[in-house]
N, C-alpha and C. Protein backbone atom coordinates (compact mmCIF):
# COMPACT_ATOMS: atom_id res chain seq x y z
N UNK A 1 -3.99 -27.53 -8.96
CA UNK A 1 -3.01 -27.84 -9.97
C UNK A 1 -3.46 -28.50 -11.33
N UNK A 2 -2.66 -27.96 -12.42
CA UNK A 2 -2.84 -28.41 -13.13
C UNK A 2 -2.67 -30.15 -13.93
N UNK A 3 -2.99 -30.49 -15.01
CA UNK A 3 -2.67 -31.30 -15.24
C UNK A 3 -0.81 -31.94 -15.94
N UNK A 4 -0.47 -30.73 -16.34
CA UNK A 4 1.14 -30.58 -16.30
C UNK A 4 1.83 -30.55 -15.01
N UNK A 5 1.42 -29.16 -14.27
CA UNK A 5 1.91 -29.67 -12.72
C UNK A 5 2.29 -30.55 -12.08
N UNK A 6 0.80 -32.00 -11.80
CA UNK A 6 0.68 -33.30 -11.10
C UNK A 6 1.62 -34.26 -12.23
N UNK A 7 1.88 -34.02 -13.32
CA UNK A 7 2.87 -35.17 -13.92
C UNK A 7 4.25 -34.89 -13.80
N UNK A 8 4.48 -33.20 -13.51
CA UNK A 8 5.98 -32.76 -13.39
C UNK A 8 6.10 -33.20 -12.36
N UNK A 9 5.32 -33.33 -11.12
CA UNK A 9 5.45 -33.55 -9.57
C UNK A 9 6.27 -34.95 -9.73
N UNK A 10 5.55 -35.91 -10.32
CA UNK A 10 6.16 -37.46 -10.81
C UNK A 10 7.01 -37.43 -11.35
N UNK A 11 7.21 -36.73 -11.91
CA UNK A 11 8.38 -37.23 -13.19
C UNK A 11 9.78 -36.23 -12.40
N UNK A 12 9.35 -35.45 -11.58
CA UNK A 12 10.80 -35.09 -10.77
C UNK A 12 11.08 -35.65 -9.31
N UNK A 13 10.16 -36.61 -9.09
CA UNK A 13 10.54 -37.55 -7.70
C UNK A 13 10.05 -38.81 -8.09
N UNK A 14 10.62 -39.08 -7.16
CA UNK A 14 11.00 -40.82 -7.18
C UNK A 14 9.79 -41.07 -6.83
N UNK A 15 8.46 -41.18 -6.53
CA UNK A 15 7.26 -41.28 -5.81
C UNK A 15 7.24 -42.96 -5.75
N UNK A 16 7.22 -43.38 -4.77
CA UNK A 16 7.04 -44.78 -4.49
C UNK A 16 5.93 -45.52 -2.91
N UNK A 17 5.23 -44.59 -2.71
CA UNK A 17 4.44 -44.72 -1.89
C UNK A 17 3.41 -43.31 -1.61
N UNK A 18 2.50 -42.94 -0.71
CA UNK A 18 1.58 -42.63 -0.88
C UNK A 18 2.63 -40.94 -0.95
N UNK A 19 1.72 -40.19 -0.95
CA UNK A 19 1.77 -38.28 -0.98
C UNK A 19 1.28 -37.79 -0.12
N UNK A 20 1.43 -36.94 0.51
CA UNK A 20 0.39 -35.84 1.01
C UNK A 20 -0.04 -35.32 0.02
N UNK A 21 -1.34 -34.76 0.06
CA UNK A 21 -2.10 -34.21 -1.01
C UNK A 21 -2.97 -32.79 -0.33
N UNK A 22 -2.88 -32.04 -0.88
CA UNK A 22 -3.62 -30.71 -0.15
C UNK A 22 -4.59 -30.08 -1.15
N UNK A 23 -5.62 -29.41 -0.45
CA UNK A 23 -7.01 -29.70 -1.50
C UNK A 23 -7.01 -28.02 -1.31
N UNK A 24 -8.17 -27.73 -1.65
CA UNK A 24 -8.86 -26.20 -1.73
C UNK A 24 -9.33 -26.44 -0.79
N UNK A 25 -11.12 -26.91 -0.87
CA UNK A 25 -11.79 -27.58 -0.06
C UNK A 25 -12.19 -28.87 0.95
N UNK A 26 -10.72 -29.55 0.85
CA UNK A 26 -10.97 -30.85 1.89
C UNK A 26 -9.70 -30.58 2.63
N UNK A 27 -10.28 -31.39 3.32
CA UNK A 27 -8.82 -31.85 4.56
C UNK A 27 -7.70 -32.55 3.73
N UNK A 28 -6.06 -32.04 4.34
CA UNK A 28 -5.40 -32.96 3.70
C UNK A 28 -5.25 -34.20 3.72
N UNK A 29 -4.88 -35.34 2.69
CA UNK A 29 -4.44 -36.17 3.01
C UNK A 29 -3.43 -37.47 2.66
N UNK A 30 -3.28 -38.10 2.93
CA UNK A 30 -2.56 -38.95 1.99
C UNK A 30 -3.01 -40.23 0.68
N UNK A 31 -2.10 -40.25 0.11
CA UNK A 31 -2.72 -41.33 -0.81
C UNK A 31 -1.85 -41.76 -1.82
N UNK A 32 -2.17 -42.48 -2.77
CA UNK A 32 -1.60 -43.06 -3.74
C UNK A 32 -1.92 -43.07 -5.40
N UNK A 33 -1.68 -42.11 -6.20
CA UNK A 33 -2.44 -41.92 -7.40
C UNK A 33 -2.06 -43.41 -8.13
N UNK A 34 -3.10 -43.97 -9.04
CA UNK A 34 -3.50 -44.90 -10.11
C UNK A 34 -3.24 -44.62 -11.05
N UNK A 35 -2.52 -45.67 -12.03
CA UNK A 35 -2.54 -45.02 -13.84
C UNK A 35 -3.34 -46.35 -14.19
N UNK A 36 -4.38 -47.10 -13.20
CA UNK A 36 -4.89 -48.34 -13.70
C UNK A 36 -6.17 -47.93 -14.89
N UNK A 37 -6.69 -48.70 -15.43
CA UNK A 37 -8.05 -48.42 -16.15
C UNK A 37 -7.62 -47.94 -17.09
N UNK A 38 -8.76 -48.58 -18.15
CA UNK A 38 -9.04 -48.09 -19.38
C UNK A 38 -9.00 -46.72 -20.26
N UNK A 39 -9.35 -45.86 -18.68
CA UNK A 39 -9.90 -44.38 -19.14
C UNK A 39 -8.98 -43.34 -18.75
N UNK A 40 -7.74 -43.72 -18.83
CA UNK A 40 -6.16 -43.15 -17.73
C UNK A 40 -6.49 -41.62 -18.24
N UNK A 41 -5.69 -42.07 -19.96
CA UNK A 41 -5.56 -40.70 -20.36
C UNK A 41 -7.06 -39.89 -20.89
N UNK A 42 -8.12 -40.34 -20.76
CA UNK A 42 -9.30 -39.50 -20.85
C UNK A 42 -9.50 -38.59 -19.72
N UNK A 43 -9.39 -39.82 -18.76
CA UNK A 43 -9.67 -38.83 -17.49
C UNK A 43 -8.27 -38.06 -16.96
N UNK A 44 -7.34 -38.72 -17.71
CA UNK A 44 -6.03 -37.31 -17.18
C UNK A 44 -6.19 -36.21 -18.16
N UNK A 45 -6.64 -35.95 -19.33
CA UNK A 45 -6.29 -35.00 -20.08
C UNK A 45 -7.65 -33.91 -19.60
N UNK A 46 -8.61 -34.21 -18.92
CA UNK A 46 -10.21 -33.64 -18.23
C UNK A 46 -9.69 -33.47 -16.64
N UNK A 47 -7.66 -33.74 -15.98
CA UNK A 47 -7.35 -33.30 -15.25
C UNK A 47 -8.29 -33.74 -13.93
N UNK A 48 -8.60 -34.98 -14.22
CA UNK A 48 -9.04 -35.95 -13.01
C UNK A 48 -8.44 -37.36 -12.92
N UNK A 49 -8.44 -37.61 -11.42
CA UNK A 49 -7.30 -38.28 -10.80
C UNK A 49 -7.84 -39.48 -10.06
N UNK A 50 -7.26 -40.97 -9.81
CA UNK A 50 -7.41 -41.70 -9.64
C UNK A 50 -6.62 -41.89 -8.37
N UNK A 51 -7.35 -41.99 -7.46
CA UNK A 51 -6.89 -41.74 -5.79
C UNK A 51 -6.89 -43.23 -5.07
N UNK A 52 -6.14 -43.81 -4.20
CA UNK A 52 -6.37 -44.40 -2.96
C UNK A 52 -6.21 -43.68 -2.13
N UNK A 53 -6.98 -43.49 -1.11
CA UNK A 53 -7.21 -42.72 0.06
C UNK A 53 -5.70 -43.67 1.42
N UNK A 54 -5.82 -42.99 2.19
CA UNK A 54 -4.87 -43.72 3.18
C UNK A 54 -5.43 -45.06 3.81
N UNK A 55 -6.78 -44.88 3.84
CA UNK A 55 -7.51 -45.91 4.70
C UNK A 55 -7.90 -46.80 4.14
N UNK A 56 -7.76 -46.86 2.51
CA UNK A 56 -8.06 -48.07 1.58
C UNK A 56 -6.58 -48.34 0.98
N UNK A 57 -5.49 -47.88 1.57
CA UNK A 57 -3.64 -48.61 1.03
C UNK A 57 -3.60 -49.71 0.96
N UNK A 58 -3.94 -50.47 2.33
CA UNK A 58 -3.65 -51.70 2.94
C UNK A 58 -4.25 -52.52 2.34
N UNK A 59 -5.64 -52.38 2.05
CA UNK A 59 -6.65 -53.30 1.31
C UNK A 59 -6.30 -52.86 -0.02
N UNK A 60 -5.67 -52.21 -0.90
CA UNK A 60 -5.36 -52.00 -2.50
C UNK A 60 -3.98 -52.74 -2.89
N UNK A 61 -3.19 -52.44 -2.05
CA UNK A 61 -2.20 -53.35 -1.73
C UNK A 61 -2.44 -54.53 -1.93
N UNK A 62 -3.06 -55.41 -1.27
CA UNK A 62 -3.63 -57.01 -1.18
C UNK A 62 -4.49 -57.54 -2.92
N UNK A 63 -5.38 -56.43 -2.88
CA UNK A 63 -6.44 -57.39 -3.56
C UNK A 63 -6.42 -56.35 -4.90
N UNK A 64 -6.01 -54.96 -5.16
CA UNK A 64 -6.25 -54.45 -6.53
C UNK A 64 -7.41 -54.29 -7.07
N UNK A 65 -8.86 -53.98 -5.58
CA UNK A 65 -9.91 -53.84 -6.28
C UNK A 65 -9.98 -52.70 -6.43
N UNK A 66 -10.48 -52.34 -7.77
CA UNK A 66 -10.51 -50.51 -8.51
C UNK A 66 -12.47 -50.28 -7.26
N UNK A 67 -12.80 -50.83 -6.53
CA UNK A 67 -13.95 -49.99 -5.81
C UNK A 67 -12.83 -49.30 -4.44
N UNK A 68 -11.93 -49.71 -4.31
CA UNK A 68 -11.72 -48.44 -3.37
C UNK A 68 -11.06 -47.58 -3.61
N UNK A 69 -11.05 -47.46 -5.40
CA UNK A 69 -10.28 -46.23 -5.54
C UNK A 69 -11.35 -44.90 -6.09
N UNK A 70 -10.70 -43.61 -5.73
CA UNK A 70 -11.87 -42.76 -5.88
C UNK A 70 -11.38 -41.46 -6.21
N UNK A 71 -12.12 -40.91 -7.17
CA UNK A 71 -11.68 -39.75 -8.64
C UNK A 71 -11.43 -38.49 -8.06
N UNK A 72 -10.70 -37.66 -8.20
CA UNK A 72 -10.50 -36.44 -7.27
C UNK A 72 -10.44 -35.14 -8.90
N UNK A 73 -10.95 -34.12 -8.79
CA UNK A 73 -10.32 -33.29 -9.55
C UNK A 73 -8.83 -32.59 -9.68
N UNK A 74 -8.18 -32.71 -10.27
CA UNK A 74 -7.16 -31.83 -10.20
C UNK A 74 -7.00 -30.55 -9.73
N UNK A 75 -7.82 -29.76 -10.00
CA UNK A 75 -8.09 -28.58 -10.01
C UNK A 75 -8.22 -27.97 -8.75
N UNK A 76 -8.79 -28.93 -7.67
CA UNK A 76 -9.12 -29.10 -6.21
C UNK A 76 -7.58 -28.99 -5.42
N UNK A 77 -6.89 -29.87 -5.80
CA UNK A 77 -5.24 -30.22 -5.82
C UNK A 77 -4.41 -28.98 -5.25
N UNK A 78 -4.02 -28.08 -4.34
CA UNK A 78 -3.36 -27.12 -4.57
C UNK A 78 -1.40 -27.34 -4.08
N UNK A 79 -1.39 -28.89 -3.76
CA UNK A 79 -0.01 -29.60 -3.23
C UNK A 79 -0.28 -30.25 -2.97
N UNK A 80 1.20 -31.15 -3.43
CA UNK A 80 1.78 -32.17 -3.66
C UNK A 80 2.89 -32.71 -2.89
N UNK A 81 3.09 -33.78 -1.54
CA UNK A 81 4.56 -33.25 -1.38
C UNK A 81 4.58 -34.62 -0.56
N UNK A 82 5.92 -35.35 -0.91
CA UNK A 82 6.29 -36.71 -0.40
C UNK A 82 6.21 -37.05 1.06
N UNK A 83 6.35 -38.30 1.09
CA UNK A 83 5.65 -38.74 2.31
C UNK A 83 7.29 -39.39 3.02
């Protein structure tokens, strides 16, 4: 997906929790897109996204530890779905 497609998904949907993320070469997962960090706009311009994976969501909600975040390339995402 392009940056514009991902932004449109979030603009069109009231996302409050995790979304289902389908990838070209990875298994489908649940995750939360995070806009934290000084370089969010720079990453977004390159179609990279910070995502908290399902296994780390509970820890993230408690600690907001940036080490729990993984960066994914938006070009590898094929579909986003509300959960």
